[in-house]
Amino acid sequence: MKVENIAIQLYTLREFIRTPADIAATLKRVAQIGYRAVQVSGMGPIEESELVAICQGEGLTICATHEPGDVILKSPEKVVERLSKLGCKYTAYPFPAGIDFADEASVQGLISGLDKSGAVLASAGQTLLYHNHAHEFIRSGNRTVLDRIYAETDPRNLAAEPDTYWVQYGGGDPVTWIEKLSGRVPVLHCKDYVVEPPDKPRFAEVGYGNLNWLAIVAAAEKAGTEWFVVEQDTCPGDPFESIKLSFDYLSKTFVS
């Protein structure tokens, strides 16, 4: 891992990126912490050209985005245009809103839609990823829905953005899933998992929870992961303090 490959998912800082002025101030703080890349998500309105200029000014690469799921499935050409403006190769389908994983037609519609939209992005030299939560670990026959999503799509059309917290929460093993998807995991969401009394799991700063990061990072590097993206859906205090703890852990533990 190189320090340039550690990114922050800006959804973590969504309360601080509502206006262009907020975005500029927040990205300055992100760069001061040491991050050199960002994933764009949860952001208020801003022209792509202005966002690119702010990032370039702070020495930040836009490594990936999350785009609205309905836009990805219904208007993938708009996603291609936006990524081109941002100078970005990767975007992820962020959340299966409106998908009933207990209904075969709904599941099949999602899988087919991802494959078709991914083909549009692939033809433009871009890559569609799937960002999992725990929903996808619902069983569908003798497999999970997440198994089906990757088994029933063309790897050229859909890659993975495994979320380590949600894999664990869903009863999976992050290392096993990364190994299973080797060569198909350009972006990894690094999110730790801790349990508080009496038995409630919550999001934690990377390296401060129960996940085995030595094994996770080793598996990801072997699988060809390009971007290690820190994300923390909720933070116990100041989100900037949380993302610094995560950055410091990853950079001090894994950067060679």
Foldseek 3Di string as FASTA:
>chain_A
DAQQQEEAECLLVLVQAADLVSVLVVLLLVVVLPHQEYEADSHHDDDLQSNLVSSVVSNYQHAEYEDALVCLLPPLVVVLVSCVSNVYAEYEPADLPPADQVDPVSLVSVLVSQQVSLVVSLVSNHGYEYEDALQQQPDDVPGGSVVVSVVVHDLSRYAYAYEQARCVVNPHHLLVVLLVRQLRHQHYEQWAWAADPPGRIAIAQHPPHDHDVVSNVVSNVRSPHRHYYYHHNDDPDDSSVSPSVNSCCCCVPPHD
